[in-house]
Amino acid sequence: MKRSKIIALCGISAALGSICLVFIRIVPTGKLALFALSSTALMIPLSKKQYGFAFLTMLATAFIAYITGGLLIFLPYILGFGIHPIINALLSKYNAKFSSIIKLICKLIYFIIVLYILFTLAYLAKLFQVEIEFYILALLAAPIFIVYDYVMIALQKRVDYLIDRYIKF
């Protein structure tokens, strides 16, 4: 596979992800959907099993997110939404060694840690308009994350198919 084509795919991926993250700053609603959409852009280099390039694409997208949206967009993207497709791809690479339940538990633990970090930072910055305990937030967010994870895995399979079919190297 030519390195220039991989870099071009990564550039397209970074541009698509950055556009979604810029819209987070502009659009008043649907911020979580735009974060999820920005993470699907990383599936393009991951479909060619280019994990290092996907990580660099995530960093480039995160840098653009920091420039355009500040820490409120940068931190959720780099800690959660940006790294999630890479974690999924790396865990699916070792599909035979780990069961699906173990992989889901590992991702859920990581999600709770990231949620706690973001919750603590948002609490310290007084970004909440209502008082909520973290364990309640975690209990409400965990099932949503499981559905999100399932959708992202299915979407990665579809992107793999489409990229293999339409982009030849």
C-alpha atoms as a PDB file:
ATOM      1  CA  MET A   1       0.000   0.000   0.000  1.00  0.00           C
ATOM      2  CA  LYS A   2       1.461   3.333  -1.014  1.00  0.00           C
ATOM      3  CA  ARG A   3       2.314   5.619   1.849  1.00  0.00           C
ATOM      4  CA  SER A   4       1.055   8.690  -0.022  1.00  0.00           C
ATOM      5  CA  LYS A   5      -2.415   7.162  -0.395  1.00  0.00           C
ATOM      6  CA  ILE A   6      -2.534   6.336   3.312  1.00  0.00           C
ATOM      7  CA  ILE A   7      -1.551   9.889   4.206  1.00  0.00           C
ATOM      8  CA  ALA A   8      -4.227  11.208   1.835  1.00  0.00           C
ATOM      9  CA  LEU A   9      -6.854   9.005   3.502  1.00  0.00           C
ATOM     10  CA  CYS A  10      -5.709  10.238   6.893  1.00  0.00           C
ATOM     11  CA  GLY A  11      -5.968  13.835   5.708  1.00  0.00           C
ATOM     12  CA  ILE A  12      -9.510  13.266   4.505  1.00  0.00           C
ATOM     13  CA  SER A  13     -10.319  11.571   7.791  1.00  0.00           C
ATOM     14  CA  ALA A  14      -8.858  14.433   9.835  1.00  0.00           C
ATOM     15  CA  ALA A  15     -10.766  16.981   7.750  1.00  0.00           C
ATOM     16  CA  LEU A  16     -14.092  15.167   8.202  1.00  0.00           C
ATOM     17  CA  GLY A  17     -13.533  14.766  11.938  1.00  0.00           C
ATOM     18  CA  SER A  18     -12.492  18.400  12.295  1.00  0.00           C
ATOM     19  CA  ILE A  19     -15.582  19.615  10.461  1.00  0.00           C
ATOM     20  CA  CYS A  20     -17.771  17.706  12.908  1.00  0.00           C
ATOM     21  CA  LEU A  21     -15.873  19.143  15.869  1.00  0.00           C
ATOM     22  CA  VAL A  22     -16.168  22.686  14.521  1.00  0.00           C
ATOM     23  CA  PHE A  23     -19.926  22.188  14.204  1.00  0.00           C
ATOM     24  CA  ILE A  24     -20.042  21.283  17.907  1.00  0.00           C
ATOM     25  CA  ARG A  25     -19.068  24.865  18.657  1.00  0.00           C
ATOM     26  CA  ILE A  26     -21.637  26.287  16.231  1.00  0.00           C
ATOM     27  CA  VAL A  27     -24.708  24.052  16.565  1.00  0.00           C
ATOM     28  CA  PRO A  28     -26.687  24.467  19.804  1.00  0.00           C
ATOM     29  CA  THR A  29     -27.911  20.856  20.063  1.00  0.00           C
ATOM     30  CA  GLY A  30     -26.731  17.395  19.058  1.00  0.00           C
ATOM     31  CA  LYS A  31     -23.224  17.749  20.450  1.00  0.00           C
ATOM     32  CA  LEU A  32     -22.907  14.073  21.417  1.00  0.00           C
ATOM     33  CA  ALA A  33     -24.014  13.009  17.944  1.00  0.00           C
ATOM     34  CA  LEU A  34     -21.381  15.269  16.399  1.00  0.00           C
ATOM     35  CA  PHE A  35     -18.708  13.827  18.719  1.00  0.00           C
ATOM     36  CA  ALA A  36     -19.748  10.323  17.634  1.00  0.00           C
ATOM     37  CA  LEU A  37     -19.719  11.360  13.985  1.00  0.00           C
ATOM     38  CA  SER A  38     -16.240  12.807  14.390  1.00  0.00           C
ATOM     39  CA  SER A  39     -15.024   9.500  15.758  1.00  0.00           C
ATOM     40  CA  THR A  40     -16.419   7.658  12.739  1.00  0.00           C
ATOM     41  CA  ALA A  41     -14.042   9.662  10.565  1.00  0.00           C
ATOM     42  CA  LEU A  42     -11.170   7.771  12.219  1.00  0.00           C
ATOM     43  CA  MET A  43     -12.564   4.544  10.839  1.00  0.00           C
ATOM     44  CA  ILE A  44     -11.184   5.378   7.388  1.00  0.00           C
ATOM     45  CA  PRO A  45      -7.506   4.743   8.212  1.00  0.00           C
ATOM     46  CA  LEU A  46      -8.506   1.964  10.605  1.00  0.00           C
ATOM     47  CA  SER A  47     -10.222   0.151   7.742  1.00  0.00           C
ATOM     48  CA  LYS A  48      -6.768  -0.294   6.177  1.00  0.00           C
ATOM     49  CA  LYS A  49      -5.313  -1.502   9.515  1.00  0.00           C
ATOM     50  CA  GLN A  50      -3.172   1.634   9.829  1.00  0.00           C
ATOM     51  CA  TYR A  51      -3.282   2.006  13.621  1.00  0.00           C
ATOM     52  CA  GLY A  52      -0.342   4.407  13.913  1.00  0.00           C
ATOM     53  CA  PHE A  53      -1.679   6.648  11.180  1.00  0.00           C
ATOM     54  CA  ALA A  54      -5.133   6.548  12.780  1.00  0.00           C
ATOM     55  CA  PHE A  55      -3.602   7.679  16.075  1.00  0.00           C
ATOM     56  CA  LEU A  56      -1.787  10.537  14.335  1.00  0.00           C
ATOM     57  CA  THR A  57      -5.031  11.452  12.577  1.00  0.00           C
ATOM     58  CA  MET A  58      -6.772  11.545  15.946  1.00  0.00           C
ATOM     59  CA  LEU A  59      -4.055  13.844  17.315  1.00  0.00           C
ATOM     60  CA  ALA A  60      -4.330  16.157  14.295  1.00  0.00           C
ATOM     61  CA  THR A  61      -8.110  16.291  14.651  1.00  0.00           C
ATOM     62  CA  ALA A  62      -7.781  16.928  18.388  1.00  0.00           C
ATOM     63  CA  PHE A  63      -5.310  19.745  17.746  1.00  0.00           C
ATOM     64  CA  ILE A  64      -7.736  21.397  15.344  1.00  0.00           C
ATOM     65  CA  ALA A  65     -10.505  20.876  17.911  1.00  0.00           C
ATOM     66  CA  TYR A  66      -8.397  22.631  20.531  1.00  0.00           C
ATOM     67  CA  ILE A  67      -7.714  25.568  18.229  1.00  0.00           C
ATOM     68  CA  THR A  68     -11.333  25.987  17.152  1.00  0.00           C
ATOM     69  CA  GLY A  69     -13.233  24.943  20.266  1.00  0.00           C
ATOM     70  CA  GLY A  70     -10.909  24.979  23.252  1.00  0.00           C
ATOM     71  CA  LEU A  71     -10.760  22.463  26.069  1.00  0.00           C
ATOM     72  CA  LEU A  72     -14.519  21.813  26.140  1.00  0.00           C
ATOM     73  CA  ILE A  73     -14.241  20.075  22.771  1.00  0.00           C
ATOM     74  CA  PHE A  74     -10.635  18.890  22.960  1.00  0.00           C
ATOM     75  CA  LEU A  75     -10.847  16.856  26.191  1.00  0.00           C
ATOM     76  CA  PRO A  76     -13.977  14.784  25.433  1.00  0.00           C
ATOM     77  CA  TYR A  77     -12.658  14.075  21.949  1.00  0.00           C
ATOM     78  CA  ILE A  78      -9.134  13.051  22.851  1.00  0.00           C
ATOM     79  CA  LEU A  79     -10.049  11.107  26.002  1.00  0.00           C
ATOM     80  CA  GLY A  80     -13.208   9.414  24.818  1.00  0.00           C
ATOM     81  CA  PHE A  81     -14.557   9.787  21.332  1.00  0.00           C
ATOM     82  CA  GLY A  82     -11.288   9.956  19.448  1.00  0.00           C
ATOM     83  CA  ILE A  83      -9.555   7.024  21.069  1.00  0.00           C
ATOM     84  CA  HIS A  84     -12.613   4.743  21.138  1.00  0.00           C
ATOM     85  CA  PRO A  85     -12.453   3.568  17.485  1.00  0.00           C
ATOM     86  CA  ILE A  86      -8.730   2.865  17.884  1.00  0.00           C
ATOM     87  CA  ILE A  87      -9.353   0.823  21.032  1.00  0.00           C
ATOM     88  CA  ASN A  88     -12.137  -1.073  19.218  1.00  0.00           C
ATOM     89  CA  ALA A  89      -9.850  -1.798  16.258  1.00  0.00           C
ATOM     90  CA  LEU A  90      -6.997  -2.987  18.460  1.00  0.00           C
ATOM     91  CA  LEU A  91      -9.289  -5.214  20.508  1.00  0.00           C
ATOM     92  CA  SER A  92     -10.882  -6.688  17.396  1.00  0.00           C
ATOM     93  CA  LYS A  93      -7.388  -7.489  16.152  1.00  0.00           C
ATOM     94  CA  TYR A  94      -7.099  -9.888  19.100  1.00  0.00           C
ATOM     95  CA  ASN A  95     -10.574 -11.332  18.618  1.00  0.00           C
ATOM     96  CA  ALA A  96      -9.580 -14.940  19.313  1.00  0.00           C
ATOM     97  CA  LYS A  97      -7.701 -14.216  22.534  1.00  0.00           C
ATOM     98  CA  PHE A  98     -10.408 -12.314  24.406  1.00  0.00           C
ATOM     99  CA  SER A  99     -14.109 -12.892  24.641  1.00  0.00           C
ATOM    100  CA  SER A 100     -16.556 -10.145  23.773  1.00  0.00           C
ATOM    101  CA  ILE A 101     -17.587  -9.774  27.404  1.00  0.00           C
ATOM    102  CA  ILE A 102     -14.004  -9.186  28.566  1.00  0.00           C
ATOM    103  CA  LYS A 103     -13.473  -6.598  25.811  1.00  0.00           C
ATOM    104  CA  LEU A 104     -16.711  -4.837  26.723  1.00  0.00           C
ATOM    105  CA  ILE A 105     -15.793  -4.793  30.423  1.00  0.00           C
ATOM    106  CA  CYS A 106     -12.385  -3.300  29.614  1.00  0.00           C
ATOM    107  CA  LYS A 107     -13.969  -0.601  27.454  1.00  0.00           C
ATOM    108  CA  LEU A 108     -16.621   0.073  30.087  1.00  0.00           C
ATOM    109  CA  ILE A 109     -13.973   0.528  32.792  1.00  0.00           C
ATOM    110  CA  TYR A 110     -12.089   2.922  30.528  1.00  0.00           C
ATOM    111  CA  PHE A 111     -15.334   4.800  29.824  1.00  0.00           C
ATOM    112  CA  ILE A 112     -16.113   5.182  33.536  1.00  0.00           C
ATOM    113  CA  ILE A 113     -12.590   6.497  34.200  1.00  0.00           C
ATOM    114  CA  VAL A 114     -12.882   9.035  31.380  1.00  0.00           C
ATOM    115  CA  LEU A 115     -16.371   9.991  32.530  1.00  0.00           C
ATOM    116  CA  TYR A 116     -15.046  10.551  36.051  1.00  0.00           C
ATOM    117  CA  ILE A 117     -12.202  12.759  34.777  1.00  0.00           C
ATOM    118  CA  LEU A 118     -14.565  14.824  32.642  1.00  0.00           C
ATOM    119  CA  PHE A 119     -17.161  14.968  35.434  1.00  0.00           C
ATOM    120  CA  THR A 120     -14.572  16.201  37.926  1.00  0.00           C
ATOM    121  CA  LEU A 121     -13.241  18.845  35.550  1.00  0.00           C
ATOM    122  CA  ALA A 122     -16.773  20.015  34.693  1.00  0.00           C
ATOM    123  CA  TYR A 123     -17.696  20.109  38.383  1.00  0.00           C
ATOM    124  CA  LEU A 124     -14.603  22.155  39.229  1.00  0.00           C
ATOM    125  CA  ALA A 125     -15.343  24.549  36.368  1.00  0.00           C
ATOM    126  CA  LYS A 126     -18.968  24.793  37.552  1.00  0.00           C
ATOM    127  CA  LEU A 127     -20.386  23.742  34.170  1.00  0.00           C
ATOM    128  CA  PHE A 128     -23.343  21.821  35.611  1.00  0.00           C
ATOM    129  CA  GLN A 129     -26.672  23.551  35.914  1.00  0.00           C
ATOM    130  CA  VAL A 130     -28.111  20.769  38.080  1.00  0.00           C
ATOM    131  CA  GLU A 131     -26.553  18.842  40.919  1.00  0.00           C
ATOM    132  CA  ILE A 132     -25.945  15.179  40.141  1.00  0.00           C
ATOM    133  CA  GLU A 133     -23.879  12.536  41.864  1.00  0.00           C
ATOM    134  CA  PHE A 134     -21.266  10.781  39.786  1.00  0.00           C
ATOM    135  CA  TYR A 135     -22.523   7.257  40.480  1.00  0.00           C
ATOM    136  CA  ILE A 136     -25.980   8.211  39.177  1.00  0.00           C
ATOM    137  CA  LEU A 137     -24.419   9.681  36.057  1.00  0.00           C
ATOM    138  CA  ALA A 138     -22.297   6.559  35.589  1.00  0.00           C
ATOM    139  CA  LEU A 139     -25.316   4.260  36.031  1.00  0.00           C
ATOM    140  CA  LEU A 140     -27.250   6.257  33.444  1.00  0.00           C
ATOM    141  CA  ALA A 141     -24.364   6.583  30.987  1.00  0.00           C
ATOM    142  CA  ALA A 142     -23.088   2.976  31.051  1.00  0.00           C
ATOM    143  CA  PRO A 143     -26.026   1.425  29.132  1.00  0.00           C
ATOM    144  CA  ILE A 144     -25.858   4.257  26.614  1.00  0.00           C
ATOM    145  CA  PHE A 145     -22.146   3.566  26.147  1.00  0.00           C
ATOM    146  CA  ILE A 146     -22.822  -0.136  25.557  1.00  0.00           C
ATOM    147  CA  VAL A 147     -25.271   0.725  22.770  1.00  0.00           C
ATOM    148  CA  TYR A 148     -22.822   3.292  21.370  1.00  0.00           C
ATOM    149  CA  ASP A 149     -20.029   0.721  21.409  1.00  0.00           C
ATOM    150  CA  TYR A 150     -22.164  -1.842  19.598  1.00  0.00           C
ATOM    151  CA  VAL A 151     -23.147   0.708  16.942  1.00  0.00           C
ATOM    152  CA  MET A 152     -19.534   1.784  16.464  1.00  0.00           C
ATOM    153  CA  ILE A 153     -18.374  -1.817  15.995  1.00  0.00           C
ATOM    154  CA  ALA A 154     -21.092  -2.418  13.401  1.00  0.00           C
ATOM    155  CA  LEU A 155     -20.266   0.851  11.690  1.00  0.00           C
ATOM    156  CA  GLN A 156     -16.568  -0.044  11.564  1.00  0.00           C
ATOM    157  CA  LYS A 157     -17.433  -3.278   9.762  1.00  0.00           C
ATOM    158  CA  ARG A 158     -19.501  -1.343   7.243  1.00  0.00           C
ATOM    159  CA  VAL A 159     -16.768   1.251   6.684  1.00  0.00           C
ATOM    160  CA  ASP A 160     -14.229  -1.561   6.219  1.00  0.00           C
ATOM    161  CA  TYR A 161     -16.430  -3.060   3.527  1.00  0.00           C
ATOM    162  CA  LEU A 162     -17.014   0.258   1.740  1.00  0.00           C
ATOM    163  CA  ILE A 163     -13.367   1.324   1.797  1.00  0.00           C
ATOM    164  CA  ASP A 164     -12.225  -2.109   0.551  1.00  0.00           C
ATOM    165  CA  ARG A 165     -14.780  -2.013  -2.220  1.00  0.00           C
ATOM    166  CA  TYR A 166     -14.337   1.547  -3.486  1.00  0.00           C
ATOM    167  CA  ILE A 167     -10.757   2.525  -2.621  1.00  0.00           C
ATOM    168  CA  LYS A 168      -8.134   0.303  -4.179  1.00  0.00           C
ATOM    169  CA  PHE A 169      -4.476   0.387  -3.232  1.00  0.00           C
END
